[in-house]
Amino acid sequence: MQVRVHVTLKPGVLDPQGKAIEHALQALGFAGVGGVRQGKVIELTLDEDDPARARESVEAMCRQLLANTVIENYAIELDT
């Protein structure tokens, strides 16, 4: 099963990379761009056929390693 985990900073957490992207886009002439936030996507392949068990396993991976749950949110996307 293919899994994608989208990890983003929680609202209110300073995002210096997002701010740098915002400034670079404006410098390139892309007017009206604001509030840029950046994140990461982690792709996994699991030897699992049960979506509920796959989600449970990936939830544990996120809590233990893939996301810093103090400052980051994550969303799990399963391709069944």
PDB file of N, CA and C in Angstrom:
ATOM      1  N   MET A   1       0.845  -1.170   0.000  1.00  0.00           N
ATOM      2  CA  MET A   1       0.000   0.000   0.000  1.00  0.00           C
ATOM      3  C   MET A   1       0.894   1.238   0.000  1.00  0.00           C
ATOM      4  N   GLN A   2       0.544   2.200  -0.849  1.00  0.00           N
ATOM      5  CA  GLN A   2       1.269   3.464  -0.916  1.00  0.00           C
ATOM      6  C   GLN A   2       0.653   4.445   0.078  1.00  0.00           C
ATOM      7  N   VAL A   3       1.527   5.151   0.788  1.00  0.00           N
ATOM      8  CA  VAL A   3       1.090   6.117   1.795  1.00  0.00           C
ATOM      9  C   VAL A   3       1.869   7.409   1.604  1.00  0.00           C
ATOM     10  N   ARG A   4       1.180   8.530   1.735  1.00  0.00           N
ATOM     11  CA  ARG A   4       1.829   9.838   1.754  1.00  0.00           C
ATOM     12  C   ARG A   4       1.478  10.522   3.062  1.00  0.00           C
ATOM     13  N   VAL A   5       2.495  11.079   3.699  1.00  0.00           N
ATOM     14  CA  VAL A   5       2.307  11.835   4.930  1.00  0.00           C
ATOM     15  C   VAL A   5       2.690  13.280   4.632  1.00  0.00           C
ATOM     16  N   HIS A   6       1.739  14.184   4.823  1.00  0.00           N
ATOM     17  CA  HIS A   6       1.970  15.618   4.624  1.00  0.00           C
ATOM     18  C   HIS A   6       2.221  16.234   6.001  1.00  0.00           C
ATOM     19  N   VAL A   7       3.402  16.823   6.178  1.00  0.00           N
ATOM     20  CA  VAL A   7       3.784  17.415   7.460  1.00  0.00           C
ATOM     21  C   VAL A   7       3.920  18.923   7.266  1.00  0.00           C
ATOM     22  N   THR A   8       3.207  19.686   8.096  1.00  0.00           N
ATOM     23  CA  THR A   8       3.266  21.147   8.022  1.00  0.00           C
ATOM     24  C   THR A   8       3.383  21.719   9.434  1.00  0.00           C
ATOM     25  N   LEU A   9       3.909  22.925   9.498  1.00  0.00           N
ATOM     26  CA  LEU A   9       3.995  23.596  10.788  1.00  0.00           C
ATOM     27  C   LEU A   9       2.604  23.994  11.264  1.00  0.00           C
ATOM     28  N   LYS A  10       2.385  23.939  12.544  1.00  0.00           N
ATOM     29  CA  LYS A  10       1.106  24.364  13.113  1.00  0.00           C
ATOM     30  C   LYS A  10       0.950  25.873  12.941  1.00  0.00           C
ATOM     31  N   PRO A  11      -0.294  26.340  12.843  1.00  0.00           N
ATOM     32  CA  PRO A  11      -0.516  27.787  12.767  1.00  0.00           C
ATOM     33  C   PRO A  11       0.120  28.484  13.975  1.00  0.00           C
ATOM     34  N   GLY A  12       0.732  29.608  13.723  1.00  0.00           N
ATOM     35  CA  GLY A  12       1.366  30.367  14.799  1.00  0.00           C
ATOM     36  C   GLY A  12       2.830  30.032  15.009  1.00  0.00           C
ATOM     37  N   VAL A  13       3.301  28.931  14.423  1.00  0.00           N
ATOM     38  CA  VAL A  13       4.718  28.575  14.526  1.00  0.00           C
ATOM     39  C   VAL A  13       5.460  29.305  13.411  1.00  0.00           C
ATOM     40  N   LEU A  14       6.520  30.001  13.774  1.00  0.00           N
ATOM     41  CA  LEU A  14       7.317  30.759  12.815  1.00  0.00           C
ATOM     42  C   LEU A  14       7.834  29.842  11.712  1.00  0.00           C
ATOM     43  N   ASP A  15       7.701  30.281  10.456  1.00  0.00           N
ATOM     44  CA  ASP A  15       8.119  29.494   9.296  1.00  0.00           C
ATOM     45  C   ASP A  15       9.114  30.316   8.467  1.00  0.00           C
ATOM     46  N   PRO A  16      10.406  30.323   8.856  1.00  0.00           N
ATOM     47  CA  PRO A  16      11.373  31.144   8.125  1.00  0.00           C
ATOM     48  C   PRO A  16      11.558  30.712   6.677  1.00  0.00           C
ATOM     49  N   GLN A  17      11.446  29.422   6.379  1.00  0.00           N
ATOM     50  CA  GLN A  17      11.579  28.980   4.993  1.00  0.00           C
ATOM     51  C   GLN A  17      10.396  29.474   4.160  1.00  0.00           C
ATOM     52  N   GLY A  18       9.216  29.413   4.719  1.00  0.00           N
ATOM     53  CA  GLY A  18       8.039  29.932   4.028  1.00  0.00           C
ATOM     54  C   GLY A  18       8.178  31.419   3.750  1.00  0.00           C
ATOM     55  N   LYS A  19       8.675  32.159   4.726  1.00  0.00           N
ATOM     56  CA  LYS A  19       8.878  33.602   4.560  1.00  0.00           C
ATOM     57  C   LYS A  19       9.928  33.870   3.479  1.00  0.00           C
ATOM     58  N   ALA A  20      11.006  33.080   3.436  1.00  0.00           N
ATOM     59  CA  ALA A  20      12.038  33.254   2.407  1.00  0.00           C
ATOM     60  C   ALA A  20      11.467  32.968   1.021  1.00  0.00           C
ATOM     61  N   ILE A  21      10.627  31.951   0.894  1.00  0.00           N
ATOM     62  CA  ILE A  21       9.974  31.646  -0.382  1.00  0.00           C
ATOM     63  C   ILE A  21       9.066  32.804  -0.796  1.00  0.00           C
ATOM     64  N   GLU A  22       8.308  33.318   0.160  1.00  0.00           N
ATOM     65  CA  GLU A  22       7.414  34.447  -0.108  1.00  0.00           C
ATOM     66  C   GLU A  22       8.185  35.641  -0.660  1.00  0.00           C
ATOM     67  N   HIS A  23       9.294  36.005  -0.004  1.00  0.00           N
ATOM     68  CA  HIS A  23      10.095  37.147  -0.447  1.00  0.00           C
ATOM     69  C   HIS A  23      10.706  36.885  -1.823  1.00  0.00           C
ATOM     70  N   ALA A  24      11.174  35.658  -2.055  1.00  0.00           N
ATOM     71  CA  ALA A  24      11.775  35.330  -3.353  1.00  0.00           C
ATOM     72  C   ALA A  24      10.734  35.415  -4.467  1.00  0.00           C
ATOM     73  N   LEU A  25       9.529  34.937  -4.218  1.00  0.00           N
ATOM     74  CA  LEU A  25       8.476  35.018  -5.227  1.00  0.00           C
ATOM     75  C   LEU A  25       8.134  36.469  -5.551  1.00  0.00           C
ATOM     76  N   GLN A  26       8.056  37.297  -4.511  1.00  0.00           N
ATOM     77  CA  GLN A  26       7.771  38.712  -4.728  1.00  0.00           C
ATOM     78  C   GLN A  26       8.900  39.374  -5.514  1.00  0.00           C
ATOM     79  N   ALA A  27      10.147  39.010  -5.206  1.00  0.00           N
ATOM     80  CA  ALA A  27      11.295  39.575  -5.918  1.00  0.00           C
ATOM     81  C   ALA A  27      11.299  39.145  -7.390  1.00  0.00           C
ATOM     82  N   LEU A  28      10.722  38.005  -7.683  1.00  0.00           N
ATOM     83  CA  LEU A  28      10.631  37.521  -9.062  1.00  0.00           C
ATOM     84  C   LEU A  28       9.437  38.120  -9.809  1.00  0.00           C
ATOM     85  N   GLY A  29       8.691  38.977  -9.133  1.00  0.00           N
ATOM     86  CA  GLY A  29       7.589  39.660  -9.783  1.00  0.00           C
ATOM     87  C   GLY A  29       6.224  39.030  -9.587  1.00  0.00           C
ATOM     88  N   PHE A  30       6.114  38.050  -8.723  1.00  0.00           N
ATOM     89  CA  PHE A  30       4.825  37.432  -8.442  1.00  0.00           C
ATOM     90  C   PHE A  30       4.129  38.232  -7.346  1.00  0.00           C
ATOM     91  N   ALA A  31       3.390  39.229  -7.775  1.00  0.00           N
ATOM     92  CA  ALA A  31       2.718  40.129  -6.840  1.00  0.00           C
ATOM     93  C   ALA A  31       1.526  39.427  -6.199  1.00  0.00           C
ATOM     94  N   GLY A  32       1.186  39.874  -5.011  1.00  0.00           N
ATOM     95  CA  GLY A  32      -0.004  39.354  -4.347  1.00  0.00           C
ATOM     96  C   GLY A  32       0.195  38.022  -3.653  1.00  0.00           C
ATOM     97  N   VAL A  33       1.434  37.568  -3.542  1.00  0.00           N
ATOM     98  CA  VAL A  33       1.709  36.313  -2.842  1.00  0.00           C
ATOM     99  C   VAL A  33       1.975  36.628  -1.382  1.00  0.00           C
ATOM    100  N   GLY A  34       1.302  35.937  -0.493  1.00  0.00           N
ATOM    101  CA  GLY A  34       1.519  36.161   0.933  1.00  0.00           C
ATOM    102  C   GLY A  34       1.142  34.933   1.734  1.00  0.00           C
ATOM    103  N   GLY A  35       1.550  34.921   2.962  1.00  0.00           N
ATOM    104  CA  GLY A  35       1.197  33.828   3.865  1.00  0.00           C
ATOM    105  C   GLY A  35       1.749  32.489   3.427  1.00  0.00           C
ATOM    106  N   VAL A  36       2.937  32.469   2.842  1.00  0.00           N
ATOM    107  CA  VAL A  36       3.519  31.216   2.347  1.00  0.00           C
ATOM    108  C   VAL A  36       3.969  30.364   3.519  1.00  0.00           C
ATOM    109  N   ARG A  37       3.547  29.122   3.518  1.00  0.00           N
ATOM    110  CA  ARG A  37       3.984  28.128   4.512  1.00  0.00           C
ATOM    111  C   ARG A  37       4.529  26.940   3.729  1.00  0.00           C
ATOM    112  N   GLN A  38       5.597  26.366   4.188  1.00  0.00           N
ATOM    113  CA  GLN A  38       6.166  25.211   3.502  1.00  0.00           C
ATOM    114  C   GLN A  38       6.106  23.995   4.420  1.00  0.00           C
ATOM    115  N   GLY A  39       6.164  22.847   3.816  1.00  0.00           N
ATOM    116  CA  GLY A  39       6.124  21.603   4.579  1.00  0.00           C
ATOM    117  C   GLY A  39       6.884  20.526   3.837  1.00  0.00           C
ATOM    118  N   LYS A  40       6.567  19.284   4.170  1.00  0.00           N
ATOM    119  CA  LYS A  40       7.243  18.174   3.497  1.00  0.00           C
ATOM    120  C   LYS A  40       6.242  17.052   3.271  1.00  0.00           C
ATOM    121  N   VAL A  41       6.543  16.230   2.275  1.00  0.00           N
ATOM    122  CA  VAL A  41       5.746  15.050   1.975  1.00  0.00           C
ATOM    123  C   VAL A  41       6.664  13.843   2.088  1.00  0.00           C
ATOM    124  N   ILE A  42       6.223  12.858   2.834  1.00  0.00           N
ATOM    125  CA  ILE A  42       6.981  11.619   3.011  1.00  0.00           C
ATOM    126  C   ILE A  42       6.168  10.505   2.373  1.00  0.00           C
ATOM    127  N   GLU A  43       6.770   9.770   1.428  1.00  0.00           N
ATOM    128  CA  GLU A  43       6.092   8.664   0.760  1.00  0.00           C
ATOM    129  C   GLU A  43       6.617   7.351   1.294  1.00  0.00           C
ATOM    130  N   LEU A  44       5.697   6.453   1.587  1.00  0.00           N
ATOM    131  CA  LEU A  44       6.030   5.140   2.149  1.00  0.00           C
ATOM    132  C   LEU A  44       5.322   4.051   1.351  1.00  0.00           C
ATOM    133  N   THR A  45       5.929   2.882   1.291  1.00  0.00           N
ATOM    134  CA  THR A  45       5.275   1.695   0.772  1.00  0.00           C
ATOM    135  C   THR A  45       5.193   0.699   1.914  1.00  0.00           C
ATOM    136  N   LEU A  46       3.980   0.274   2.241  1.00  0.00           N
ATOM    137  CA  LEU A  46       3.775  -0.659   3.354  1.00  0.00           C
ATOM    138  C   LEU A  46       3.320  -2.022   2.832  1.00  0.00           C
ATOM    139  N   ASP A  47       3.800  -3.072   3.448  1.00  0.00           N
ATOM    140  CA  ASP A  47       3.305  -4.420   3.181  1.00  0.00           C
ATOM    141  C   ASP A  47       2.077  -4.637   4.044  1.00  0.00           C
ATOM    142  N   GLU A  48       0.993  -3.985   3.675  1.00  0.00           N
ATOM    143  CA  GLU A  48      -0.247  -4.060   4.448  1.00  0.00           C
ATOM    144  C   GLU A  48      -1.419  -3.877   3.493  1.00  0.00           C
ATOM    145  N   ASP A  49      -2.444  -4.704   3.640  1.00  0.00           N
ATOM    146  CA  ASP A  49      -3.627  -4.613   2.790  1.00  0.00           C
ATOM    147  C   ASP A  49      -4.811  -3.972   3.500  1.00  0.00           C
ATOM    148  N   ASP A  50      -4.774  -3.951   4.813  1.00  0.00           N
ATOM    149  CA  ASP A  50      -5.884  -3.411   5.603  1.00  0.00           C
ATOM    150  C   ASP A  50      -5.655  -1.914   5.847  1.00  0.00           C
ATOM    151  N   PRO A  51      -6.516  -1.047   5.279  1.00  0.00           N
ATOM    152  CA  PRO A  51      -6.320   0.398   5.447  1.00  0.00           C
ATOM    153  C   PRO A  51      -6.318   0.847   6.913  1.00  0.00           C
ATOM    154  N   ALA A  52      -7.136   0.237   7.747  1.00  0.00           N
ATOM    155  CA  ALA A  52      -7.191   0.628   9.159  1.00  0.00           C
ATOM    156  C   ALA A  52      -5.870   0.313   9.856  1.00  0.00           C
ATOM    157  N   ARG A  53      -5.323  -0.856   9.594  1.00  0.00           N
ATOM    158  CA  ARG A  53      -4.035  -1.212  10.208  1.00  0.00           C
ATOM    159  C   ARG A  53      -2.906  -0.357   9.651  1.00  0.00           C
ATOM    160  N   ALA A  54      -2.965  -0.064   8.351  1.00  0.00           N
ATOM    161  CA  ALA A  54      -1.939   0.789   7.742  1.00  0.00           C
ATOM    162  C   ALA A  54      -1.973   2.170   8.371  1.00  0.00           C
ATOM    163  N   ARG A  55      -3.170   2.744   8.509  1.00  0.00           N
ATOM    164  CA  ARG A  55      -3.300   4.078   9.114  1.00  0.00           C
ATOM    165  C   ARG A  55      -2.790   4.074  10.546  1.00  0.00           C
ATOM    166  N   GLU A  56      -3.137   3.041  11.302  1.00  0.00           N
ATOM    167  CA  GLU A  56      -2.685   2.930  12.693  1.00  0.00           C
ATOM    168  C   GLU A  56      -1.163   2.882  12.766  1.00  0.00           C
ATOM    169  N   SER A  57      -0.555   2.121  11.876  1.00  0.00           N
ATOM    170  CA  SER A  57       0.902   2.001  11.851  1.00  0.00           C
ATOM    171  C   SER A  57       1.562   3.334  11.494  1.00  0.00           C
ATOM    172  N   VAL A  58       1.026   4.021  10.488  1.00  0.00           N
ATOM    173  CA  VAL A  58       1.603   5.292  10.064  1.00  0.00           C
ATOM    174  C   VAL A  58       1.382   6.367  11.129  1.00  0.00           C
ATOM    175  N   GLU A  59       0.243   6.323  11.814  1.00  0.00           N
ATOM    176  CA  GLU A  59       0.010   7.248  12.942  1.00  0.00           C
ATOM    177  C   GLU A  59       1.133   7.097  13.967  1.00  0.00           C
ATOM    178  N   ALA A  60       1.481   5.852  14.296  1.00  0.00           N
ATOM    179  CA  ALA A  60       2.563   5.603  15.261  1.00  0.00           C
ATOM    180  C   ALA A  60       3.894   6.126  14.722  1.00  0.00           C
ATOM    181  N   MET A  61       4.146   5.923  13.435  1.00  0.00           N
ATOM    182  CA  MET A  61       5.384   6.428  12.825  1.00  0.00           C
ATOM    183  C   MET A  61       5.454   7.950  12.933  1.00  0.00           C
ATOM    184  N   CYS A  62       4.336   8.607  12.690  1.00  0.00           N
ATOM    185  CA  CYS A  62       4.300  10.067  12.764  1.00  0.00           C
ATOM    186  C   CYS A  62       4.566  10.550  14.179  1.00  0.00           C
ATOM    187  N   ARG A  63       3.909   9.942  15.137  1.00  0.00           N
ATOM    188  CA  ARG A  63       4.088  10.371  16.540  1.00  0.00           C
ATOM    189  C   ARG A  63       5.506  10.123  17.034  1.00  0.00           C
ATOM    190  N   GLN A  64       6.127   9.038  16.560  1.00  0.00           N
ATOM    191  CA  GLN A  64       7.448   8.671  17.077  1.00  0.00           C
ATOM    192  C   GLN A  64       8.608   9.262  16.291  1.00  0.00           C
ATOM    193  N   LEU A  65       8.424   9.550  14.986  1.00  0.00           N
ATOM    194  CA  LEU A  65       9.572   9.967  14.190  1.00  0.00           C
ATOM    195  C   LEU A  65       9.267  11.001  13.109  1.00  0.00           C
ATOM    196  N   LEU A  66       8.234  10.803  12.332  1.00  0.00           N
ATOM    197  CA  LEU A  66       8.049  11.582  11.109  1.00  0.00           C
ATOM    198  C   LEU A  66       7.631  13.029  11.344  1.00  0.00           C
ATOM    199  N   ALA A  67       6.958  13.305  12.452  1.00  0.00           N
ATOM    200  CA  ALA A  67       6.505  14.672  12.732  1.00  0.00           C
ATOM    201  C   ALA A  67       6.833  15.036  14.175  1.00  0.00           C
ATOM    202  N   ASN A  68       7.184  16.277  14.376  1.00  0.00           N
ATOM    203  CA  ASN A  68       7.355  16.805  15.724  1.00  0.00           C
ATOM    204  C   ASN A  68       5.987  17.361  16.122  1.00  0.00           C
ATOM    205  N   THR A  69       5.210  16.555  16.823  1.00  0.00           N
ATOM    206  CA  THR A  69       3.813  16.911  17.088  1.00  0.00           C
ATOM    207  C   THR A  69       3.644  18.120  18.000  1.00  0.00           C
ATOM    208  N   VAL A  70       4.719  18.612  18.574  1.00  0.00           N
ATOM    209  CA  VAL A  70       4.640  19.839  19.367  1.00  0.00           C
ATOM    210  C   VAL A  70       4.434  21.042  18.444  1.00  0.00           C
ATOM    211  N   ILE A  71       5.105  21.041  17.291  1.00  0.00           N
ATOM    212  CA  ILE A  71       5.045  22.196  16.396  1.00  0.00           C
ATOM    213  C   ILE A  71       4.517  21.863  15.000  1.00  0.00           C
ATOM    214  N   GLU A  72       4.265  20.573  14.712  1.00  0.00           N
ATOM    215  CA  GLU A  72       3.844  20.189  13.371  1.00  0.00           C
ATOM    216  C   GLU A  72       2.525  19.411  13.387  1.00  0.00           C
ATOM    217  N   ASN A  73       1.752  19.609  12.334  1.00  0.00           N
ATOM    218  CA  ASN A  73       0.575  18.792  12.060  1.00  0.00           C
ATOM    219  C   ASN A  73       0.944  17.809  10.963  1.00  0.00           C
ATOM    220  N   TYR A  74       0.193  16.711  10.873  1.00  0.00           N
ATOM    221  CA  TYR A  74       0.412  15.786   9.765  1.00  0.00           C
ATOM    222  C   TYR A  74      -0.929  15.261   9.279  1.00  0.00           C
ATOM    223  N   ALA A  75      -0.941  14.903   8.007  1.00  0.00           N
ATOM    224  CA  ALA A  75      -2.126  14.309   7.391  1.00  0.00           C
ATOM    225  C   ALA A  75      -1.671  13.075   6.616  1.00  0.00           C
ATOM    226  N   ILE A  76      -2.412  11.997   6.773  1.00  0.00           N
ATOM    227  CA  ILE A  76      -2.065  10.722   6.145  1.00  0.00           C
ATOM    228  C   ILE A  76      -3.000  10.487   4.966  1.00  0.00           C
ATOM    229  N   GLU A  77      -2.406  10.124   3.850  1.00  0.00           N
ATOM    230  CA  GLU A  77      -3.156   9.828   2.618  1.00  0.00           C
ATOM    231  C   GLU A  77      -2.816   8.406   2.178  1.00  0.00           C
ATOM    232  N   LEU A  78      -3.805   7.531   2.160  1.00  0.00           N
ATOM    233  CA  LEU A  78      -3.611   6.128   1.768  1.00  0.00           C
ATOM    234  C   LEU A  78      -4.078   5.923   0.340  1.00  0.00           C
ATOM    235  N   ASP A  79      -3.282   5.241  -0.469  1.00  0.00           N
ATOM    236  CA  ASP A  79      -3.699   4.806  -1.806  1.00  0.00           C
ATOM    237  C   ASP A  79      -3.986   3.321  -1.722  1.00  0.00           C
ATOM    238  N   THR A  80      -5.254   2.976  -1.632  1.00  0.00           N
ATOM    239  CA  THR A  80      -5.624   1.559  -1.476  1.00  0.00           C
ATOM    240  C   THR A  80      -5.888   0.906  -2.816  1.00  0.00           C
TER     241      THR A  80
END
